[in-house]
Amino acid sequence: MNRDELRRADLDSADWEAAAESILEDVEYDTELGKEMGRDAFRLAQGEMTREEFHEKYHEEVVAEFGVDDRPTEPEDFGDE
């Protein structure tokens, strides 16, 4: 399965999982986090979740994994509470 086919595949299918594993196999970072974020990035693109929801869902994990969260998805009012 190539990247274009991966984009169209069912996000919960074994094919999507295998393709994502193949793409992420050589990275030094948490592949489970990468797969979860990849699935939700597709959901974000489809309008199934907001940028704010995406950012909030992964903020702590991104900071834990990378030491910083410089993603461009941060809402303007994030952390103002």
PDB file of N, CA and C in Angstrom:
ATOM      1  N   MET A   1       0.860  -1.173   0.000  1.00  0.00           N
ATOM      2  CA  MET A   1       0.000   0.000   0.000  1.00  0.00           C
ATOM      3  C   MET A   1       0.905   1.235   0.000  1.00  0.00           C
ATOM      4  N   ASN A   2       0.681   2.128  -0.951  1.00  0.00           N
ATOM      5  CA  ASN A   2       1.474   3.358  -0.988  1.00  0.00           C
ATOM      6  C   ASN A   2       0.780   4.460  -0.193  1.00  0.00           C
ATOM      7  N   ARG A   3       1.414   5.621  -0.115  1.00  0.00           N
ATOM      8  CA  ARG A   3       0.874   6.713   0.707  1.00  0.00           C
ATOM      9  C   ARG A   3      -0.491   7.193   0.227  1.00  0.00           C
ATOM     10  N   ASP A   4      -0.722   7.225  -1.088  1.00  0.00           N
ATOM     11  CA  ASP A   4      -2.030   7.650  -1.595  1.00  0.00           C
ATOM     12  C   ASP A   4      -3.117   6.661  -1.202  1.00  0.00           C
ATOM     13  N   GLU A   5      -2.809   5.378  -1.302  1.00  0.00           N
ATOM     14  CA  GLU A   5      -3.768   4.357  -0.885  1.00  0.00           C
ATOM     15  C   GLU A   5      -4.006   4.430   0.615  1.00  0.00           C
ATOM     16  N   LEU A   6      -2.958   4.721   1.372  1.00  0.00           N
ATOM     17  CA  LEU A   6      -3.077   4.851   2.821  1.00  0.00           C
ATOM     18  C   LEU A   6      -4.056   5.958   3.174  1.00  0.00           C
ATOM     19  N   ARG A   7      -4.013   7.059   2.443  1.00  0.00           N
ATOM     20  CA  ARG A   7      -4.910   8.184   2.716  1.00  0.00           C
ATOM     21  C   ARG A   7      -6.378   7.791   2.547  1.00  0.00           C
ATOM     22  N   ARG A   8      -6.638   6.890   1.610  1.00  0.00           N
ATOM     23  CA  ARG A   8      -8.019   6.503   1.327  1.00  0.00           C
ATOM     24  C   ARG A   8      -8.486   5.292   2.137  1.00  0.00           C
ATOM     25  N   ALA A   9      -7.586   4.610   2.770  1.00  0.00           N
ATOM     26  CA  ALA A   9      -7.925   3.380   3.491  1.00  0.00           C
ATOM     27  C   ALA A   9      -8.712   3.677   4.764  1.00  0.00           C
ATOM     28  N   ASP A  10      -9.433   2.686   5.216  1.00  0.00           N
ATOM     29  CA  ASP A  10     -10.127   2.759   6.493  1.00  0.00           C
ATOM     30  C   ASP A  10      -9.085   2.911   7.595  1.00  0.00           C
ATOM     31  N   LEU A  11      -9.225   3.947   8.407  1.00  0.00           N
ATOM     32  CA  LEU A  11      -8.222   4.270   9.418  1.00  0.00           C
ATOM     33  C   LEU A  11      -8.053   3.197  10.485  1.00  0.00           C
ATOM     34  N   ASP A  12      -9.009   2.312  10.607  1.00  0.00           N
ATOM     35  CA  ASP A  12      -8.919   1.257  11.611  1.00  0.00           C
ATOM     36  C   ASP A  12      -8.621  -0.113  11.004  1.00  0.00           C
ATOM     37  N   SER A  13      -8.302  -0.145   9.711  1.00  0.00           N
ATOM     38  CA  SER A  13      -8.069  -1.430   9.051  1.00  0.00           C
ATOM     39  C   SER A  13      -6.652  -1.943   9.298  1.00  0.00           C
ATOM     40  N   ALA A  14      -6.491  -3.228   9.122  1.00  0.00           N
ATOM     41  CA  ALA A  14      -5.166  -3.844   9.250  1.00  0.00           C
ATOM     42  C   ALA A  14      -4.229  -3.315   8.171  1.00  0.00           C
ATOM     43  N   ASP A  15      -4.757  -3.020   6.981  1.00  0.00           N
ATOM     44  CA  ASP A  15      -3.926  -2.475   5.905  1.00  0.00           C
ATOM     45  C   ASP A  15      -3.374  -1.111   6.281  1.00  0.00           C
ATOM     46  N   TRP A  16      -4.221  -0.252   6.861  1.00  0.00           N
ATOM     47  CA  TRP A  16      -3.754   1.081   7.274  1.00  0.00           C
ATOM     48  C   TRP A  16      -2.678   0.936   8.341  1.00  0.00           C
ATOM     49  N   GLU A  17      -2.924   0.066   9.290  1.00  0.00           N
ATOM     50  CA  GLU A  17      -1.967  -0.169  10.380  1.00  0.00           C
ATOM     51  C   GLU A  17      -0.624  -0.643   9.826  1.00  0.00           C
ATOM     52  N   ALA A  18      -0.650  -1.596   8.912  1.00  0.00           N
ATOM     53  CA  ALA A  18       0.581  -2.131   8.332  1.00  0.00           C
ATOM     54  C   ALA A  18       1.317  -1.065   7.523  1.00  0.00           C
ATOM     55  N   ALA A  19       0.576  -0.277   6.756  1.00  0.00           N
ATOM     56  CA  ALA A  19       1.206   0.773   5.957  1.00  0.00           C
ATOM     57  C   ALA A  19       1.831   1.838   6.848  1.00  0.00           C
ATOM     58  N   ALA A  20       1.132   2.222   7.900  1.00  0.00           N
ATOM     59  CA  ALA A  20       1.668   3.217   8.830  1.00  0.00           C
ATOM     60  C   ALA A  20       2.919   2.679   9.523  1.00  0.00           C
ATOM     61  N   GLU A  21       2.892   1.425   9.923  1.00  0.00           N
ATOM     62  CA  GLU A  21       4.067   0.796  10.543  1.00  0.00           C
ATOM     63  C   GLU A  21       5.255   0.832   9.587  1.00  0.00           C
ATOM     64  N   SER A  22       5.000   0.539   8.325  1.00  0.00           N
ATOM     65  CA  SER A  22       6.062   0.532   7.323  1.00  0.00           C
ATOM     66  C   SER A  22       6.679   1.920   7.160  1.00  0.00           C
ATOM     67  N   ILE A  23       5.850   2.941   7.125  1.00  0.00           N
ATOM     68  CA  ILE A  23       6.326   4.316   6.970  1.00  0.00           C
ATOM     69  C   ILE A  23       7.122   4.755   8.192  1.00  0.00           C
ATOM     70  N   LEU A  24       6.679   4.344   9.370  1.00  0.00           N
ATOM     71  CA  LEU A  24       7.287   4.811  10.617  1.00  0.00           C
ATOM     72  C   LEU A  24       8.383   3.904  11.170  1.00  0.00           C
ATOM     73  N   GLU A  25       8.676   2.798  10.505  1.00  0.00           N
ATOM     74  CA  GLU A  25       9.583   1.810  11.090  1.00  0.00           C
ATOM     75  C   GLU A  25      10.997   2.320  11.344  1.00  0.00           C
ATOM     76  N   ASP A  26      11.442   3.308  10.615  1.00  0.00           N
ATOM     77  CA  ASP A  26      12.818   3.783  10.776  1.00  0.00           C
ATOM     78  C   ASP A  26      12.950   5.047  11.614  1.00  0.00           C
ATOM     79  N   VAL A  27      11.875   5.505  12.223  1.00  0.00           N
ATOM     80  CA  VAL A  27      11.972   6.713  13.039  1.00  0.00           C
ATOM     81  C   VAL A  27      12.317   6.345  14.474  1.00  0.00           C
ATOM     82  N   GLU A  28      12.951   7.265  15.162  1.00  0.00           N
ATOM     83  CA  GLU A  28      13.371   7.008  16.538  1.00  0.00           C
ATOM     84  C   GLU A  28      12.304   7.385  17.557  1.00  0.00           C
ATOM     85  N   TYR A  29      11.215   7.939  17.090  1.00  0.00           N
ATOM     86  CA  TYR A  29      10.173   8.413  17.994  1.00  0.00           C
ATOM     87  C   TYR A  29       9.058   7.384  18.147  1.00  0.00           C
ATOM     88  N   ASP A  30       8.129   7.659  19.032  1.00  0.00           N
ATOM     89  CA  ASP A  30       7.020   6.776  19.381  1.00  0.00           C
ATOM     90  C   ASP A  30       6.110   6.547  18.169  1.00  0.00           C
ATOM     91  N   THR A  31       6.166   5.349  17.603  1.00  0.00           N
ATOM     92  CA  THR A  31       5.357   5.076  16.416  1.00  0.00           C
ATOM     93  C   THR A  31       3.868   5.006  16.745  1.00  0.00           C
ATOM     94  N   GLU A  32       3.521   4.579  17.951  1.00  0.00           N
ATOM     95  CA  GLU A  32       2.101   4.552  18.329  1.00  0.00           C
ATOM     96  C   GLU A  32       1.535   5.970  18.352  1.00  0.00           C
ATOM     97  N   LEU A  33       2.293   6.905  18.901  1.00  0.00           N
ATOM     98  CA  LEU A  33       1.861   8.299  18.900  1.00  0.00           C
ATOM     99  C   LEU A  33       1.725   8.793  17.465  1.00  0.00           C
ATOM    100  N   GLY A  34       2.671   8.447  16.617  1.00  0.00           N
ATOM    101  CA  GLY A  34       2.605   8.848  15.208  1.00  0.00           C
ATOM    102  C   GLY A  34       1.373   8.309  14.512  1.00  0.00           C
ATOM    103  N   LYS A  35       1.031   7.052  14.782  1.00  0.00           N
ATOM    104  CA  LYS A  35      -0.163   6.463  14.156  1.00  0.00           C
ATOM    105  C   LYS A  35      -1.434   7.118  14.682  1.00  0.00           C
ATOM    106  N   GLU A  36      -1.499   7.336  15.988  1.00  0.00           N
ATOM    107  CA  GLU A  36      -2.685   7.980  16.563  1.00  0.00           C
ATOM    108  C   GLU A  36      -2.868   9.381  15.989  1.00  0.00           C
ATOM    109  N   MET A  37      -1.770  10.132  15.933  1.00  0.00           N
ATOM    110  CA  MET A  37      -1.849  11.491  15.399  1.00  0.00           C
ATOM    111  C   MET A  37      -2.182  11.468  13.906  1.00  0.00           C
ATOM    112  N   GLY A  38      -1.661  10.481  13.188  1.00  0.00           N
ATOM    113  CA  GLY A  38      -1.969  10.351  11.764  1.00  0.00           C
ATOM    114  C   GLY A  38      -3.443  10.092  11.527  1.00  0.00           C
ATOM    115  N   ARG A  39      -4.011   9.182  12.310  1.00  0.00           N
ATOM    116  CA  ARG A  39      -5.446   8.909  12.178  1.00  0.00           C
ATOM    117  C   ARG A  39      -6.262  10.174  12.440  1.00  0.00           C
ATOM    118  N   ASP A  40      -5.906  10.865  13.530  1.00  0.00           N
ATOM    119  CA  ASP A  40      -6.671  12.059  13.871  1.00  0.00           C
ATOM    120  C   ASP A  40      -6.417  13.208  12.903  1.00  0.00           C
ATOM    121  N   ALA A  41      -5.257  13.235  12.264  1.00  0.00           N
ATOM    122  CA  ALA A  41      -5.010  14.253  11.237  1.00  0.00           C
ATOM    123  C   ALA A  41      -5.971  14.050  10.068  1.00  0.00           C
ATOM    124  N   PHE A  42      -6.225  12.798   9.701  1.00  0.00           N
ATOM    125  CA  PHE A  42      -7.218  12.521   8.666  1.00  0.00           C
ATOM    126  C   PHE A  42      -8.604  12.955   9.140  1.00  0.00           C
ATOM    127  N   ARG A  43      -8.924  12.673  10.392  1.00  0.00           N
ATOM    128  CA  ARG A  43     -10.228  13.074  10.937  1.00  0.00           C
ATOM    129  C   ARG A  43     -10.364  14.597  10.955  1.00  0.00           C
ATOM    130  N   LEU A  44      -9.287  15.283  11.291  1.00  0.00           N
ATOM    131  CA  LEU A  44      -9.274  16.745  11.271  1.00  0.00           C
ATOM    132  C   LEU A  44      -9.537  17.246   9.855  1.00  0.00           C
ATOM    133  N   ALA A  45      -8.867  16.665   8.881  1.00  0.00           N
ATOM    134  CA  ALA A  45      -9.036  17.070   7.483  1.00  0.00           C
ATOM    135  C   ALA A  45     -10.458  16.816   6.987  1.00  0.00           C
ATOM    136  N   GLN A  46     -11.109  15.801   7.539  1.00  0.00           N
ATOM    137  CA  GLN A  46     -12.482  15.476   7.145  1.00  0.00           C
ATOM    138  C   GLN A  46     -13.524  16.270   7.932  1.00  0.00           C
ATOM    139  N   GLY A  47     -13.078  17.101   8.851  1.00  0.00           N
ATOM    140  CA  GLY A  47     -14.004  17.900   9.649  1.00  0.00           C
ATOM    141  C   GLY A  47     -14.609  17.155  10.820  1.00  0.00           C
ATOM    142  N   GLU A  48     -14.053  16.005  11.162  1.00  0.00           N
ATOM    143  CA  GLU A  48     -14.580  15.201  12.255  1.00  0.00           C
ATOM    144  C   GLU A  48     -14.058  15.649  13.613  1.00  0.00           C
ATOM    145  N   MET A  49     -13.030  16.487  13.631  1.00  0.00           N
ATOM    146  CA  MET A  49     -12.527  17.081  14.867  1.00  0.00           C
ATOM    147  C   MET A  49     -11.953  18.450  14.523  1.00  0.00           C
ATOM    148  N   THR A  50     -11.882  19.318  15.528  1.00  0.00           N
ATOM    149  CA  THR A  50     -11.371  20.667  15.303  1.00  0.00           C
ATOM    150  C   THR A  50      -9.866  20.723  15.550  1.00  0.00           C
ATOM    151  N   ARG A  51      -9.233  21.796  15.077  1.00  0.00           N
ATOM    152  CA  ARG A  51      -7.809  22.008  15.351  1.00  0.00           C
ATOM    153  C   ARG A  51      -7.570  22.076  16.852  1.00  0.00           C
ATOM    154  N   GLU A  52      -8.495  22.722  17.557  1.00  0.00           N
ATOM    155  CA  GLU A  52      -8.361  22.858  19.000  1.00  0.00           C
ATOM    156  C   GLU A  52      -8.412  21.499  19.686  1.00  0.00           C
ATOM    157  N   GLU A  53      -9.349  20.654  19.266  1.00  0.00           N
ATOM    158  CA  GLU A  53      -9.451  19.305  19.837  1.00  0.00           C
ATOM    159  C   GLU A  53      -8.185  18.494  19.553  1.00  0.00           C
ATOM    160  N   PHE A  54      -7.682  18.604  18.334  1.00  0.00           N
ATOM    161  CA  PHE A  54      -6.471  17.884  17.955  1.00  0.00           C
ATOM    162  C   PHE A  54      -5.291  18.339  18.806  1.00  0.00           C
ATOM    163  N   HIS A  55      -5.133  19.640  18.940  1.00  0.00           N
ATOM    164  CA  HIS A  55      -4.012  20.167  19.714  1.00  0.00           C
ATOM    165  C   HIS A  55      -4.111  19.736  21.179  1.00  0.00           C
ATOM    166  N   GLU A  56      -5.275  19.898  21.758  1.00  0.00           N
ATOM    167  CA  GLU A  56      -5.478  19.545  23.170  1.00  0.00           C
ATOM    168  C   GLU A  56      -5.231  18.054  23.409  1.00  0.00           C
ATOM    169  N   LYS A  57      -5.715  17.219  22.495  1.00  0.00           N
ATOM    170  CA  LYS A  57      -5.597  15.771  22.667  1.00  0.00           C
ATOM    171  C   LYS A  57      -4.136  15.317  22.738  1.00  0.00           C
ATOM    172  N   TYR A  58      -3.264  15.956  21.973  1.00  0.00           N
ATOM    173  CA  TYR A  58      -1.888  15.478  21.871  1.00  0.00           C
ATOM    174  C   TYR A  58      -0.845  16.366  22.530  1.00  0.00           C
ATOM    175  N   HIS A  59      -1.227  17.493  23.095  1.00  0.00           N
ATOM    176  CA  HIS A  59      -0.249  18.437  23.628  1.00  0.00           C
ATOM    177  C   HIS A  59       0.716  17.788  24.627  1.00  0.00           C
ATOM    178  N   GLU A  60       0.195  17.143  25.647  1.00  0.00           N
ATOM    179  CA  GLU A  60       1.059  16.562  26.682  1.00  0.00           C
ATOM    180  C   GLU A  60       1.956  15.459  26.130  1.00  0.00           C
ATOM    181  N   GLU A  61       1.418  14.623  25.246  1.00  0.00           N
ATOM    182  CA  GLU A  61       2.219  13.541  24.664  1.00  0.00           C
ATOM    183  C   GLU A  61       3.318  14.086  23.754  1.00  0.00           C
ATOM    184  N   VAL A  62       3.011  15.146  23.004  1.00  0.00           N
ATOM    185  CA  VAL A  62       4.017  15.754  22.128  1.00  0.00           C
ATOM    186  C   VAL A  62       5.138  16.359  22.966  1.00  0.00           C
ATOM    187  N   VAL A  63       4.789  17.057  24.038  1.00  0.00           N
ATOM    188  CA  VAL A  63       5.808  17.635  24.918  1.00  0.00           C
ATOM    189  C   VAL A  63       6.652  16.523  25.544  1.00  0.00           C
ATOM    190  N   ALA A  64       6.012  15.449  25.991  1.00  0.00           N
ATOM    191  CA  ALA A  64       6.752  14.337  26.596  1.00  0.00           C
ATOM    192  C   ALA A  64       7.700  13.682  25.589  1.00  0.00           C
ATOM    193  N   GLU A  65       7.267  13.551  24.355  1.00  0.00           N
ATOM    194  CA  GLU A  65       8.077  12.876  23.333  1.00  0.00           C
ATOM    195  C   GLU A  65       9.192  13.761  22.775  1.00  0.00           C
ATOM    196  N   PHE A  66       8.885  15.044  22.545  1.00  0.00           N
ATOM    197  CA  PHE A  66       9.828  15.921  21.845  1.00  0.00           C
ATOM    198  C   PHE A  66      10.418  17.025  22.719  1.00  0.00           C
ATOM    199  N   GLY A  67       9.879  17.181  23.936  1.00  0.00           N
ATOM    200  CA  GLY A  67      10.380  18.217  24.833  1.00  0.00           C
ATOM    201  C   GLY A  67       9.785  19.586  24.587  1.00  0.00           C
ATOM    202  N   VAL A  68       9.015  19.739  23.536  1.00  0.00           N
ATOM    203  CA  VAL A  68       8.395  21.007  23.167  1.00  0.00           C
ATOM    204  C   VAL A  68       7.226  20.704  22.234  1.00  0.00           C
ATOM    205  N   ASP A  69       6.257  21.595  22.198  1.00  0.00           N
ATOM    206  CA  ASP A  69       5.134  21.453  21.268  1.00  0.00           C
ATOM    207  C   ASP A  69       5.093  22.701  20.396  1.00  0.00           C
ATOM    208  N   ASP A  70       5.768  22.645  19.273  1.00  0.00           N
ATOM    209  CA  ASP A  70       5.804  23.761  18.332  1.00  0.00           C
ATOM    210  C   ASP A  70       4.871  23.551  17.147  1.00  0.00           C
ATOM    211  N   ARG A  71       3.896  22.674  17.303  1.00  0.00           N
ATOM    212  CA  ARG A  71       2.980  22.417  16.190  1.00  0.00           C
ATOM    213  C   ARG A  71       2.197  23.677  15.854  1.00  0.00           C
ATOM    214  N   PRO A  72       1.916  23.893  14.582  1.00  0.00           N
ATOM    215  CA  PRO A  72       1.168  25.085  14.183  1.00  0.00           C
ATOM    216  C   PRO A  72      -0.327  24.986  14.474  1.00  0.00           C
ATOM    217  N   THR A  73      -0.763  23.921  15.142  1.00  0.00           N
ATOM    218  CA  THR A  73      -2.186  23.750  15.431  1.00  0.00           C
ATOM    219  C   THR A  73      -2.613  24.416  16.724  1.00  0.00           C
ATOM    220  N   GLU A  74      -1.675  25.017  17.462  1.00  0.00           N
ATOM    221  CA  GLU A  74      -2.021  25.598  18.763  1.00  0.00           C
ATOM    222  C   GLU A  74      -3.036  26.725  18.601  1.00  0.00           C
ATOM    223  N   PRO A  75      -4.191  26.607  19.253  1.00  0.00           N
ATOM    224  CA  PRO A  75      -5.189  27.674  19.198  1.00  0.00           C
ATOM    225  C   PRO A  75      -4.650  28.941  19.861  1.00  0.00           C
ATOM    226  N   GLU A  76      -5.113  30.095  19.417  1.00  0.00           N
ATOM    227  CA  GLU A  76      -4.632  31.369  19.953  1.00  0.00           C
ATOM    228  C   GLU A  76      -4.810  31.477  21.458  1.00  0.00           C
ATOM    229  N   ASP A  77      -5.903  30.953  21.989  1.00  0.00           N
ATOM    230  CA  ASP A  77      -6.184  31.090  23.421  1.00  0.00           C
ATOM    231  C   ASP A  77      -5.761  29.865  24.234  1.00  0.00           C
ATOM    232  N   PHE A  78      -4.945  28.974  23.667  1.00  0.00           N
ATOM    233  CA  PHE A  78      -4.535  27.759  24.366  1.00  0.00           C
ATOM    234  C   PHE A  78      -3.721  28.119  25.601  1.00  0.00           C
ATOM    235  N   GLY A  79      -4.091  27.557  26.743  1.00  0.00           N
ATOM    236  CA  GLY A  79      -3.353  27.766  27.983  1.00  0.00           C
ATOM    237  C   GLY A  79      -3.672  29.055  28.709  1.00  0.00           C
ATOM    238  N   ASP A  80      -4.693  29.790  28.265  1.00  0.00           N
ATOM    239  CA  ASP A  80      -5.056  31.055  28.906  1.00  0.00           C
ATOM    240  C   ASP A  80      -5.900  30.865  30.155  1.00  0.00           C
ATOM    241  N   GLU A  81      -6.230  29.646  30.479  1.00  0.00           N
ATOM    242  CA  GLU A  81      -7.148  29.397  31.599  1.00  0.00           C
ATOM    243  C   GLU A  81      -6.493  29.661  32.920  1.00  0.00           C
TER     244      GLU A  81
END
